[in-house]
Amino acid sequence: MSGMHRDRMNAGRQNDTDGQGAGRKDASRQSRGFRRISFQRVVQLLSAALVNGYVVGFQKGTIFTGKSKAICVPVLNCYSCPGALGACPIGSLQEALGGRHHFPFYVLGSLMLFGIVLGRAVCGLLCPFGLVQDLLYKIPVPKWKVPGRIDKPARFLKYVILVVLVIFLPAFLATKTGIVPPYFCKYICPAGTLGGGILQMIANPALRKLAGALFSWKVLVMVVILAASMFISRPFCRYLCPLGAFYSVFNRFSFYQMHFEESACVACKQCENACPMAVEVTKDINGQECIRCGKCKTVCRAGAITSDFVRKS
């Protein structure tokens, strides 16, 4: 056995020993009632509070109409949510394309800026609906692993939704009245139903009387996605979210990057087991499906995974 190989084997054993010791300490802390909130969860909570900071809206069931409502936030966050201080980028894009009066330079420019700087870190750290899915997945029920033959083709569905429902139909298909519906928001978006539709229905009795088959359909879609989130980690992000599809295009060259040091890896696969998006971390850490949530970095005992805004060769 070569000296280099022997050193790597010894390092792996040492890391396992250290990891077991750390695990015992963590278990001891939890048994005494201590539970440290993760960096990801702190950022998610702050982001949700920031983009939905209009407290009066929740109290009165009204919608904020101030100047900040013209600014696109980087995440799915329904314009009709009582607390929303900004506009949803997907809703704004559909509205701009449907208007046909001008090209949506501002909306696309905003999305591209967020994509170039953060990539899908927006999904992993900032999205309120991502937070909802993460919390639901913590419910102690049996977890499902989607077979690869189903999982990989299904991931392309979000790109179909982006091209067809968000871009093509609003741009080219108007109704008889000349009004172009925001197809994704109207028929699918569970974030809008949860943050906007449900809350508005609770706050406004008149709206409850007007609710028809379309709202029932939206609630059904939302319930299915939320129920699936208890068994499958982030199913909406994996298969349906058009905003995640857009940001994924920038993942490989965004400023914020994940880094994997192969020489430090001890092949324990803990990073891949922890990944909520089932990314093959050791093979394609900055692939299109990585949401930069940092869970792989947290569980890596060897310190082989890092992240920052500097691209490493």
C-alpha atoms as a PDB file:
ATOM      1  CA  MET A   1       0.000   0.000   0.000  1.00  0.00           C
ATOM      2  CA  SER A   2       1.446   3.379  -0.997  1.00  0.00           C
ATOM      3  CA  GLY A   3       2.057   6.045   1.640  1.00  0.00           C
ATOM      4  CA  MET A   4      -0.427   8.426   0.024  1.00  0.00           C
ATOM      5  CA  HIS A   5      -3.212   5.817  -0.021  1.00  0.00           C
ATOM      6  CA  ARG A   6      -2.442   4.806   3.575  1.00  0.00           C
ATOM      7  CA  ASP A   7      -2.641   8.445   4.671  1.00  0.00           C
ATOM      8  CA  ARG A   8      -6.025   8.896   2.977  1.00  0.00           C
ATOM      9  CA  MET A   9      -7.350   5.711   4.645  1.00  0.00           C
ATOM     10  CA  ASN A  10      -6.138   6.907   8.044  1.00  0.00           C
ATOM     11  CA  ALA A  11      -7.664  10.320   7.449  1.00  0.00           C
ATOM     12  CA  GLY A  12     -10.973   8.668   6.576  1.00  0.00           C
ATOM     13  CA  ARG A  13     -10.891   6.606   9.787  1.00  0.00           C
ATOM     14  CA  GLN A  14     -10.037   9.714  11.795  1.00  0.00           C
ATOM     15  CA  ASN A  15     -12.888  11.638  10.191  1.00  0.00           C
ATOM     16  CA  ASP A  16     -15.281   8.780  10.974  1.00  0.00           C
ATOM     17  CA  THR A  17     -14.107   8.804  14.588  1.00  0.00           C
ATOM     18  CA  ASP A  18     -14.440  12.574  14.798  1.00  0.00           C
ATOM     19  CA  GLY A  19     -17.856  12.383  13.138  1.00  0.00           C
ATOM     20  CA  GLN A  20     -19.050   9.782  15.652  1.00  0.00           C
ATOM     21  CA  GLY A  21     -17.811  11.957  18.489  1.00  0.00           C
ATOM     22  CA  ALA A  22     -19.549  15.001  17.033  1.00  0.00           C
ATOM     23  CA  GLY A  23     -22.705  12.958  16.559  1.00  0.00           C
ATOM     24  CA  ARG A  24     -22.648  11.926  20.230  1.00  0.00           C
ATOM     25  CA  LYS A  25     -22.187  15.556  21.266  1.00  0.00           C
ATOM     26  CA  ASP A  26     -25.074  16.668  19.028  1.00  0.00           C
ATOM     27  CA  ALA A  27     -27.300  13.928  20.429  1.00  0.00           C
ATOM     28  CA  SER A  28     -26.317  14.955  23.937  1.00  0.00           C
ATOM     29  CA  ARG A  29     -27.192  18.594  23.227  1.00  0.00           C
ATOM     30  CA  GLN A  30     -30.544  17.620  21.732  1.00  0.00           C
ATOM     31  CA  SER A  31     -31.316  15.363  24.673  1.00  0.00           C
ATOM     32  CA  ARG A  32     -30.753  18.371  26.987  1.00  0.00           C
ATOM     33  CA  GLY A  33     -33.204  20.427  24.914  1.00  0.00           C
ATOM     34  CA  PHE A  34     -30.714  22.363  22.769  1.00  0.00           C
ATOM     35  CA  ARG A  35     -31.502  22.575  19.055  1.00  0.00           C
ATOM     36  CA  ARG A  36     -29.465  24.931  16.883  1.00  0.00           C
ATOM     37  CA  ILE A  37     -31.294  26.507  13.971  1.00  0.00           C
ATOM     38  CA  SER A  38     -29.372  26.235  10.690  1.00  0.00           C
ATOM     39  CA  PHE A  39     -28.058  29.159   8.653  1.00  0.00           C
ATOM     40  CA  GLN A  40     -30.368  28.143   5.815  1.00  0.00           C
ATOM     41  CA  ARG A  41     -33.433  28.267   8.061  1.00  0.00           C
ATOM     42  CA  VAL A  42     -32.480  31.679   9.466  1.00  0.00           C
ATOM     43  CA  VAL A  43     -32.108  33.135   5.968  1.00  0.00           C
ATOM     44  CA  GLN A  44     -35.366  31.522   4.801  1.00  0.00           C
ATOM     45  CA  LEU A  45     -37.306  32.986   7.724  1.00  0.00           C
ATOM     46  CA  LEU A  46     -35.790  36.440   7.269  1.00  0.00           C
ATOM     47  CA  SER A  47     -36.558  36.364   3.542  1.00  0.00           C
ATOM     48  CA  ALA A  48     -40.178  35.310   4.132  1.00  0.00           C
ATOM     49  CA  ALA A  49     -40.615  38.100   6.693  1.00  0.00           C
ATOM     50  CA  LEU A  50     -38.992  40.671   4.412  1.00  0.00           C
ATOM     51  CA  VAL A  51     -41.035  40.020   1.259  1.00  0.00           C
ATOM     52  CA  ASN A  52     -44.257  39.665   3.291  1.00  0.00           C
ATOM     53  CA  GLY A  53     -43.711  42.465   5.761  1.00  0.00           C
ATOM     54  CA  TYR A  54     -47.025  44.274   5.339  1.00  0.00           C
ATOM     55  CA  VAL A  55     -48.498  43.190   8.673  1.00  0.00           C
ATOM     56  CA  VAL A  56     -51.606  45.381   8.298  1.00  0.00           C
ATOM     57  CA  GLY A  57     -52.594  43.328   5.261  1.00  0.00           C
ATOM     58  CA  PHE A  58     -52.813  40.155   7.343  1.00  0.00           C
ATOM     59  CA  GLN A  59     -54.894  41.969   9.956  1.00  0.00           C
ATOM     60  CA  LYS A  60     -57.383  43.574   7.556  1.00  0.00           C
ATOM     61  CA  GLY A  61     -57.268  41.248   4.543  1.00  0.00           C
ATOM     62  CA  THR A  62     -56.103  44.062   2.247  1.00  0.00           C
ATOM     63  CA  ILE A  63     -53.383  44.151  -0.419  1.00  0.00           C
ATOM     64  CA  PHE A  64     -50.424  46.504  -0.204  1.00  0.00           C
ATOM     65  CA  THR A  65     -50.392  48.978  -3.115  1.00  0.00           C
ATOM     66  CA  GLY A  66     -47.323  51.091  -2.310  1.00  0.00           C
ATOM     67  CA  LYS A  67     -44.507  51.924  -4.711  1.00  0.00           C
ATOM     68  CA  SER A  68     -42.461  48.831  -3.778  1.00  0.00           C
ATOM     69  CA  LYS A  69     -45.221  46.693  -5.358  1.00  0.00           C
ATOM     70  CA  ALA A  70     -43.763  47.642  -8.741  1.00  0.00           C
ATOM     71  CA  ILE A  71     -40.468  45.953  -7.826  1.00  0.00           C
ATOM     72  CA  CYS A  72     -40.005  42.255  -8.575  1.00  0.00           C
ATOM     73  CA  VAL A  73     -38.845  40.108  -5.675  1.00  0.00           C
ATOM     74  CA  PRO A  74     -36.530  37.195  -6.616  1.00  0.00           C
ATOM     75  CA  VAL A  75     -38.934  34.454  -5.441  1.00  0.00           C
ATOM     76  CA  LEU A  76     -42.445  33.151  -6.063  1.00  0.00           C
ATOM     77  CA  ASN A  77     -44.544  35.400  -3.837  1.00  0.00           C
ATOM     78  CA  CYS A  78     -48.097  36.151  -4.918  1.00  0.00           C
ATOM     79  CA  TYR A  79     -49.018  39.768  -5.630  1.00  0.00           C
ATOM     80  CA  SER A  80     -52.345  39.083  -3.876  1.00  0.00           C
ATOM     81  CA  CYS A  81     -50.754  37.905  -0.634  1.00  0.00           C
ATOM     82  CA  PRO A  82     -51.939  40.332   2.078  1.00  0.00           C
ATOM     83  CA  GLY A  83     -48.389  40.826   3.305  1.00  0.00           C
ATOM     84  CA  ALA A  84     -46.586  41.052  -0.050  1.00  0.00           C
ATOM     85  CA  LEU A  85     -44.434  44.164  -0.453  1.00  0.00           C
ATOM     86  CA  GLY A  86     -43.279  43.370  -3.998  1.00  0.00           C
ATOM     87  CA  ALA A  87     -44.393  41.710  -7.204  1.00  0.00           C
ATOM     88  CA  CYS A  88     -43.912  38.069  -8.170  1.00  0.00           C
ATOM     89  CA  PRO A  89     -41.472  37.852 -11.117  1.00  0.00           C
ATOM     90  CA  ILE A  90     -43.364  35.031 -12.849  1.00  0.00           C
ATOM     91  CA  GLY A  91     -46.672  36.863 -12.550  1.00  0.00           C
ATOM     92  CA  SER A  92     -45.062  40.077 -13.782  1.00  0.00           C
ATOM     93  CA  LEU A  93     -43.478  38.308 -16.739  1.00  0.00           C
ATOM     94  CA  GLN A  94     -46.806  36.807 -17.825  1.00  0.00           C
ATOM     95  CA  GLU A  95     -48.545  40.166 -17.485  1.00  0.00           C
ATOM     96  CA  ALA A  96     -45.873  41.976 -19.503  1.00  0.00           C
ATOM     97  CA  LEU A  97     -45.892  39.372 -22.277  1.00  0.00           C
ATOM     98  CA  GLY A  98     -49.690  39.400 -22.402  1.00  0.00           C
ATOM     99  CA  GLY A  99     -49.855  43.177 -22.678  1.00  0.00           C
ATOM    100  CA  ARG A 100     -47.946  43.180 -25.990  1.00  0.00           C
ATOM    101  CA  HIS A 101     -47.179  46.869 -25.538  1.00  0.00           C
ATOM    102  CA  HIS A 102     -43.494  46.477 -24.749  1.00  0.00           C
ATOM    103  CA  PHE A 103     -40.808  43.860 -24.270  1.00  0.00           C
ATOM    104  CA  PRO A 104     -40.411  42.901 -20.574  1.00  0.00           C
ATOM    105  CA  PHE A 105     -36.861  44.244 -20.260  1.00  0.00           C
ATOM    106  CA  TYR A 106     -37.226  45.116 -16.572  1.00  0.00           C
ATOM    107  CA  VAL A 107     -38.651  41.761 -15.476  1.00  0.00           C
ATOM    108  CA  LEU A 108     -36.197  39.677 -17.478  1.00  0.00           C
ATOM    109  CA  GLY A 109     -33.330  41.957 -16.422  1.00  0.00           C
ATOM    110  CA  SER A 110     -34.238  41.496 -12.761  1.00  0.00           C
ATOM    111  CA  LEU A 111     -34.459  37.725 -13.132  1.00  0.00           C
ATOM    112  CA  MET A 112     -31.149  37.569 -14.975  1.00  0.00           C
ATOM    113  CA  LEU A 113     -29.474  39.693 -12.294  1.00  0.00           C
ATOM    114  CA  PHE A 114     -30.628  37.362  -9.530  1.00  0.00           C
ATOM    115  CA  GLY A 115     -29.640  34.354 -11.649  1.00  0.00           C
ATOM    116  CA  ILE A 116     -26.150  35.656 -12.443  1.00  0.00           C
ATOM    117  CA  VAL A 117     -25.400  36.592  -8.830  1.00  0.00           C
ATOM    118  CA  LEU A 118     -27.003  33.676  -6.948  1.00  0.00           C
ATOM    119  CA  GLY A 119     -28.197  31.021  -9.408  1.00  0.00           C
ATOM    120  CA  ARG A 120     -30.573  28.617  -7.685  1.00  0.00           C
ATOM    121  CA  ALA A 121     -29.399  29.758  -4.257  1.00  0.00           C
ATOM    122  CA  VAL A 122     -32.548  31.866  -4.535  1.00  0.00           C
ATOM    123  CA  CYS A 123     -34.523  28.595  -4.349  1.00  0.00           C
ATOM    124  CA  GLY A 124     -32.515  27.115  -1.499  1.00  0.00           C
ATOM    125  CA  LEU A 125     -32.183  30.176   0.720  1.00  0.00           C
ATOM    126  CA  LEU A 126     -34.771  32.836  -0.131  1.00  0.00           C
ATOM    127  CA  CYS A 127     -37.992  31.209  -1.387  1.00  0.00           C
ATOM    128  CA  PRO A 128     -40.876  31.118   1.174  1.00  0.00           C
ATOM    129  CA  PHE A 129     -42.536  28.191  -0.592  1.00  0.00           C
ATOM    130  CA  GLY A 130     -39.243  26.311  -0.431  1.00  0.00           C
ATOM    131  CA  LEU A 131     -39.335  26.887   3.325  1.00  0.00           C
ATOM    132  CA  VAL A 132     -42.859  25.431   3.480  1.00  0.00           C
ATOM    133  CA  GLN A 133     -41.716  22.300   1.637  1.00  0.00           C
ATOM    134  CA  ASP A 134     -38.656  21.907   3.879  1.00  0.00           C
ATOM    135  CA  LEU A 135     -40.781  22.105   7.034  1.00  0.00           C
ATOM    136  CA  LEU A 136     -43.330  19.615   5.700  1.00  0.00           C
ATOM    137  CA  TYR A 137     -40.553  17.148   4.860  1.00  0.00           C
ATOM    138  CA  LYS A 138     -39.563  17.145   8.537  1.00  0.00           C
ATOM    139  CA  ILE A 139     -42.857  15.476   9.453  1.00  0.00           C
ATOM    140  CA  PRO A 140     -41.968  11.919  10.586  1.00  0.00           C
ATOM    141  CA  VAL A 141     -43.590   9.849   7.855  1.00  0.00           C
ATOM    142  CA  PRO A 142     -41.972   7.293   5.497  1.00  0.00           C
ATOM    143  CA  LYS A 143     -39.858   9.015   2.854  1.00  0.00           C
ATOM    144  CA  TRP A 144     -40.007   8.061  -0.825  1.00  0.00           C
ATOM    145  CA  LYS A 145     -37.093   7.892  -3.212  1.00  0.00           C
ATOM    146  CA  VAL A 146     -38.308   8.563  -6.750  1.00  0.00           C
ATOM    147  CA  PRO A 147     -36.784   6.007  -9.188  1.00  0.00           C
ATOM    148  CA  GLY A 148     -34.302   7.521 -11.627  1.00  0.00           C
ATOM    149  CA  ARG A 149     -36.293   6.431 -14.677  1.00  0.00           C
ATOM    150  CA  ILE A 150     -39.163   8.627 -13.417  1.00  0.00           C
ATOM    151  CA  ASP A 151     -37.216  11.354 -11.637  1.00  0.00           C
ATOM    152  CA  LYS A 152     -34.917  12.473 -14.450  1.00  0.00           C
ATOM    153  CA  PRO A 153     -37.558  12.858 -17.190  1.00  0.00           C
ATOM    154  CA  ALA A 154     -39.987  14.488 -14.726  1.00  0.00           C
ATOM    155  CA  ARG A 155     -37.476  17.242 -13.964  1.00  0.00           C
ATOM    156  CA  PHE A 156     -37.891  18.559 -17.514  1.00  0.00           C
ATOM    157  CA  LEU A 157     -41.543  19.332 -16.802  1.00  0.00           C
ATOM    158  CA  LYS A 158     -40.634  22.625 -15.125  1.00  0.00           C
ATOM    159  CA  TYR A 159     -38.925  23.775 -18.330  1.00  0.00           C
ATOM    160  CA  VAL A 160     -42.044  22.889 -20.312  1.00  0.00           C
ATOM    161  CA  ILE A 161     -44.140  24.910 -17.866  1.00  0.00           C
ATOM    162  CA  LEU A 162     -41.751  27.870 -18.186  1.00  0.00           C
ATOM    163  CA  VAL A 163     -41.807  27.858 -21.995  1.00  0.00           C
ATOM    164  CA  VAL A 164     -45.474  27.003 -22.561  1.00  0.00           C
ATOM    165  CA  LEU A 165     -47.469  28.463 -19.645  1.00  0.00           C
ATOM    166  CA  VAL A 166     -45.269  31.389 -18.638  1.00  0.00           C
ATOM    167  CA  ILE A 167     -43.926  32.567 -22.019  1.00  0.00           C
ATOM    168  CA  PHE A 168     -45.696  31.117 -25.069  1.00  0.00           C
ATOM    169  CA  LEU A 169     -49.383  31.206 -24.076  1.00  0.00           C
ATOM    170  CA  PRO A 170     -49.345  34.713 -22.537  1.00  0.00           C
ATOM    171  CA  ALA A 171     -47.420  36.053 -25.530  1.00  0.00           C
ATOM    172  CA  PHE A 172     -49.503  34.488 -28.301  1.00  0.00           C
ATOM    173  CA  LEU A 173     -52.873  33.352 -26.991  1.00  0.00           C
ATOM    174  CA  ALA A 174     -55.408  35.991 -25.987  1.00  0.00           C
ATOM    175  CA  THR A 175     -59.005  35.376 -24.930  1.00  0.00           C
ATOM    176  CA  LYS A 176     -62.043  36.707 -26.836  1.00  0.00           C
ATOM    177  CA  THR A 177     -61.992  39.801 -24.631  1.00  0.00           C
ATOM    178  CA  GLY A 178     -58.378  40.513 -25.536  1.00  0.00           C
ATOM    179  CA  ILE A 179     -57.226  39.761 -22.005  1.00  0.00           C
ATOM    180  CA  VAL A 180     -54.406  37.257 -21.611  1.00  0.00           C
ATOM    181  CA  PRO A 181     -54.701  35.195 -18.399  1.00  0.00           C
ATOM    182  CA  PRO A 182     -51.556  34.497 -16.353  1.00  0.00           C
ATOM    183  CA  TYR A 183     -51.826  30.781 -17.098  1.00  0.00           C
ATOM    184  CA  PHE A 184     -49.313  29.464 -14.570  1.00  0.00           C
ATOM    185  CA  CYS A 185     -50.654  31.645 -11.754  1.00  0.00           C
ATOM    186  CA  LYS A 186     -54.253  30.873 -12.674  1.00  0.00           C
ATOM    187  CA  TYR A 187     -54.069  27.098 -13.035  1.00  0.00           C
ATOM    188  CA  ILE A 188     -51.036  25.794 -11.133  1.00  0.00           C
ATOM    189  CA  CYS A 189     -49.086  28.032  -8.750  1.00  0.00           C
ATOM    190  CA  PRO A 190     -49.460  26.537  -5.225  1.00  0.00           C
ATOM    191  CA  ALA A 191     -47.469  29.395  -3.693  1.00  0.00           C
ATOM    192  CA  GLY A 192     -50.098  31.845  -4.934  1.00  0.00           C
ATOM    193  CA  THR A 193     -52.953  29.695  -3.645  1.00  0.00           C
ATOM    194  CA  LEU A 194     -51.358  29.321  -0.215  1.00  0.00           C
ATOM    195  CA  GLY A 195     -50.045  32.861   0.217  1.00  0.00           C
ATOM    196  CA  GLY A 196     -52.715  34.747  -1.720  1.00  0.00           C
ATOM    197  CA  GLY A 197     -55.881  32.784  -2.427  1.00  0.00           C
ATOM    198  CA  ILE A 198     -56.355  30.990   0.900  1.00  0.00           C
ATOM    199  CA  LEU A 199     -55.459  34.007   3.024  1.00  0.00           C
ATOM    200  CA  GLN A 200     -57.731  36.303   1.030  1.00  0.00           C
ATOM    201  CA  MET A 201     -60.599  33.829   1.346  1.00  0.00           C
ATOM    202  CA  ILE A 202     -60.132  33.657   5.108  1.00  0.00           C
ATOM    203  CA  ALA A 203     -60.048  37.450   5.453  1.00  0.00           C
ATOM    204  CA  ASN A 204     -62.880  38.295   3.018  1.00  0.00           C
ATOM    205  CA  PRO A 205     -66.243  36.521   3.381  1.00  0.00           C
ATOM    206  CA  ALA A 206     -67.444  38.023   0.081  1.00  0.00           C
ATOM    207  CA  LEU A 207     -64.667  36.260  -1.807  1.00  0.00           C
ATOM    208  CA  ARG A 208     -65.627  32.918  -0.286  1.00  0.00           C
ATOM    209  CA  LYS A 209     -69.078  33.249  -1.865  1.00  0.00           C
ATOM    210  CA  LEU A 210     -67.520  33.893  -5.277  1.00  0.00           C
ATOM    211  CA  ALA A 211     -65.155  30.919  -5.156  1.00  0.00           C
ATOM    212  CA  GLY A 212     -65.929  28.477  -7.943  1.00  0.00           C
ATOM    213  CA  ALA A 213     -64.543  25.405  -9.655  1.00  0.00           C
ATOM    214  CA  LEU A 214     -61.279  27.123 -10.600  1.00  0.00           C
ATOM    215  CA  PHE A 215     -60.443  27.920  -6.988  1.00  0.00           C
ATOM    216  CA  SER A 216     -61.329  24.357  -5.999  1.00  0.00           C
ATOM    217  CA  TRP A 217     -58.919  23.113  -8.666  1.00  0.00           C
ATOM    218  CA  LYS A 218     -56.164  25.398  -7.374  1.00  0.00           C
ATOM    219  CA  VAL A 219     -56.710  24.172  -3.823  1.00  0.00           C
ATOM    220  CA  LEU A 220     -56.546  20.565  -5.029  1.00  0.00           C
ATOM    221  CA  VAL A 221     -53.221  21.217  -6.807  1.00  0.00           C
ATOM    222  CA  MET A 222     -51.852  22.907  -3.690  1.00  0.00           C
ATOM    223  CA  VAL A 223     -52.978  20.088  -1.374  1.00  0.00           C
ATOM    224  CA  VAL A 224     -51.419  17.420  -3.624  1.00  0.00           C
ATOM    225  CA  ILE A 225     -48.097  19.281  -3.737  1.00  0.00           C
ATOM    226  CA  LEU A 226     -48.060  19.963   0.005  1.00  0.00           C
ATOM    227  CA  ALA A 227     -48.962  16.345   0.773  1.00  0.00           C
ATOM    228  CA  ALA A 228     -46.215  15.115  -1.569  1.00  0.00           C
ATOM    229  CA  SER A 229     -43.754  17.406   0.238  1.00  0.00           C
ATOM    230  CA  MET A 230     -44.075  15.256   3.344  1.00  0.00           C
ATOM    231  CA  PHE A 231     -42.813  12.179   1.476  1.00  0.00           C
ATOM    232  CA  ILE A 232     -40.567  13.657  -1.268  1.00  0.00           C
ATOM    233  CA  SER A 233     -38.125  16.465  -0.616  1.00  0.00           C
ATOM    234  CA  ARG A 234     -39.085  19.631  -2.524  1.00  0.00           C
ATOM    235  CA  PRO A 235     -41.290  18.069  -5.237  1.00  0.00           C
ATOM    236  CA  PHE A 236     -42.448  21.448  -6.535  1.00  0.00           C
ATOM    237  CA  CYS A 237     -38.866  22.699  -6.903  1.00  0.00           C
ATOM    238  CA  ARG A 238     -37.800  19.495  -8.639  1.00  0.00           C
ATOM    239  CA  TYR A 239     -40.608  19.101 -11.140  1.00  0.00           C
ATOM    240  CA  LEU A 240     -42.899  22.120 -11.511  1.00  0.00           C
ATOM    241  CA  CYS A 241     -41.356  25.486 -10.617  1.00  0.00           C
ATOM    242  CA  PRO A 242     -40.737  27.666 -13.717  1.00  0.00           C
ATOM    243  CA  LEU A 243     -38.703  30.164 -11.699  1.00  0.00           C
ATOM    244  CA  GLY A 244     -36.320  27.409 -10.626  1.00  0.00           C
ATOM    245  CA  ALA A 245     -36.089  26.365 -14.277  1.00  0.00           C
ATOM    246  CA  PHE A 246     -35.084  29.907 -15.235  1.00  0.00           C
ATOM    247  CA  TYR A 247     -32.445  30.233 -12.500  1.00  0.00           C
ATOM    248  CA  SER A 248     -31.002  26.802 -13.290  1.00  0.00           C
ATOM    249  CA  VAL A 249     -29.725  28.155 -16.617  1.00  0.00           C
ATOM    250  CA  PHE A 250     -27.306  30.389 -14.663  1.00  0.00           C
ATOM    251  CA  ASN A 251     -26.198  27.833 -12.083  1.00  0.00           C
ATOM    252  CA  ARG A 252     -22.891  26.861 -13.644  1.00  0.00           C
ATOM    253  CA  PHE A 253     -21.572  30.403 -14.059  1.00  0.00           C
ATOM    254  CA  SER A 254     -23.311  32.412 -11.330  1.00  0.00           C
ATOM    255  CA  PHE A 255     -21.118  34.364  -8.926  1.00  0.00           C
ATOM    256  CA  TYR A 256     -22.150  32.201  -5.967  1.00  0.00           C
ATOM    257  CA  GLN A 257     -20.742  28.703  -6.408  1.00  0.00           C
ATOM    258  CA  MET A 258     -20.350  25.442  -4.546  1.00  0.00           C
ATOM    259  CA  HIS A 259     -16.882  23.875  -4.524  1.00  0.00           C
ATOM    260  CA  PHE A 260     -15.972  20.201  -4.175  1.00  0.00           C
ATOM    261  CA  GLU A 261     -12.404  19.180  -3.316  1.00  0.00           C
ATOM    262  CA  GLU A 262     -12.058  15.634  -4.616  1.00  0.00           C
ATOM    263  CA  SER A 263      -8.704  15.050  -2.913  1.00  0.00           C
ATOM    264  CA  ALA A 264     -10.297  15.665   0.503  1.00  0.00           C
ATOM    265  CA  CYS A 265     -13.341  13.447  -0.098  1.00  0.00           C
ATOM    266  CA  VAL A 266     -13.522  10.166   1.848  1.00  0.00           C
ATOM    267  CA  ALA A 267     -16.397   8.792  -0.292  1.00  0.00           C
ATOM    268  CA  CYS A 268     -18.869   8.542   2.598  1.00  0.00           C
ATOM    269  CA  LYS A 269     -21.721   9.834   0.364  1.00  0.00           C
ATOM    270  CA  GLN A 270     -23.282  11.727   3.274  1.00  0.00           C
ATOM    271  CA  CYS A 271     -23.508  14.829   1.089  1.00  0.00           C
ATOM    272  CA  GLU A 272     -25.606  13.051  -1.527  1.00  0.00           C
ATOM    273  CA  ASN A 273     -27.799  11.419   1.102  1.00  0.00           C
ATOM    274  CA  ALA A 274     -28.522  14.839   2.620  1.00  0.00           C
ATOM    275  CA  CYS A 275     -29.208  16.674  -0.648  1.00  0.00           C
ATOM    276  CA  PRO A 276     -32.917  17.656  -0.867  1.00  0.00           C
ATOM    277  CA  MET A 277     -32.726  17.749  -4.668  1.00  0.00           C
ATOM    278  CA  ALA A 278     -31.004  14.338  -5.059  1.00  0.00           C
ATOM    279  CA  VAL A 279     -27.980  15.917  -6.748  1.00  0.00           C
ATOM    280  CA  GLU A 280     -24.918  13.736  -7.408  1.00  0.00           C
ATOM    281  CA  VAL A 281     -22.764  16.113  -5.382  1.00  0.00           C
ATOM    282  CA  THR A 282     -19.429  14.414  -5.998  1.00  0.00           C
ATOM    283  CA  LYS A 283     -19.993  14.400  -9.763  1.00  0.00           C
ATOM    284  CA  ASP A 284     -21.918  17.587 -10.549  1.00  0.00           C
ATOM    285  CA  ILE A 285     -22.086  19.873  -7.539  1.00  0.00           C
ATOM    286  CA  ASN A 286     -22.970  22.973  -9.587  1.00  0.00           C
ATOM    287  CA  GLY A 287     -25.426  21.244 -11.885  1.00  0.00           C
ATOM    288  CA  GLN A 288     -28.799  22.697 -12.786  1.00  0.00           C
ATOM    289  CA  GLU A 289     -30.610  21.020  -9.895  1.00  0.00           C
ATOM    290  CA  CYS A 290     -28.381  22.276  -7.062  1.00  0.00           C
ATOM    291  CA  ILE A 291     -30.238  24.884  -4.979  1.00  0.00           C
ATOM    292  CA  ARG A 292     -27.153  25.830  -2.892  1.00  0.00           C
ATOM    293  CA  CYS A 293     -28.988  25.152   0.386  1.00  0.00           C
ATOM    294  CA  GLY A 294     -25.691  24.164   2.045  1.00  0.00           C
ATOM    295  CA  LYS A 295     -26.851  20.843   3.517  1.00  0.00           C
ATOM    296  CA  CYS A 296     -24.093  18.926   1.717  1.00  0.00           C
ATOM    297  CA  LYS A 297     -21.513  21.271   3.197  1.00  0.00           C
ATOM    298  CA  THR A 298     -22.985  20.908   6.686  1.00  0.00           C
ATOM    299  CA  VAL A 299     -22.797  17.104   6.757  1.00  0.00           C
ATOM    300  CA  CYS A 300     -19.384  16.772   5.072  1.00  0.00           C
ATOM    301  CA  ARG A 301     -17.031  15.528   7.774  1.00  0.00           C
ATOM    302  CA  ALA A 302     -13.934  15.871   5.626  1.00  0.00           C
ATOM    303  CA  GLY A 303     -14.482  19.544   4.784  1.00  0.00           C
ATOM    304  CA  ALA A 304     -14.435  18.736   1.068  1.00  0.00           C
ATOM    305  CA  ILE A 305     -17.350  21.072   0.240  1.00  0.00           C
ATOM    306  CA  THR A 306     -17.284  24.846   0.471  1.00  0.00           C
ATOM    307  CA  SER A 307     -19.197  27.745  -1.054  1.00  0.00           C
ATOM    308  CA  ASP A 308     -18.457  31.385  -1.778  1.00  0.00           C
ATOM    309  CA  PHE A 309     -18.615  34.105  -4.402  1.00  0.00           C
ATOM    310  CA  VAL A 310     -15.141  33.363  -5.779  1.00  0.00           C
ATOM    311  CA  ARG A 311     -14.769  30.839  -8.600  1.00  0.00           C
ATOM    312  CA  LYS A 312     -12.042  28.290  -7.925  1.00  0.00           C
ATOM    313  CA  SER A 313     -10.115  26.607 -10.714  1.00  0.00           C
END
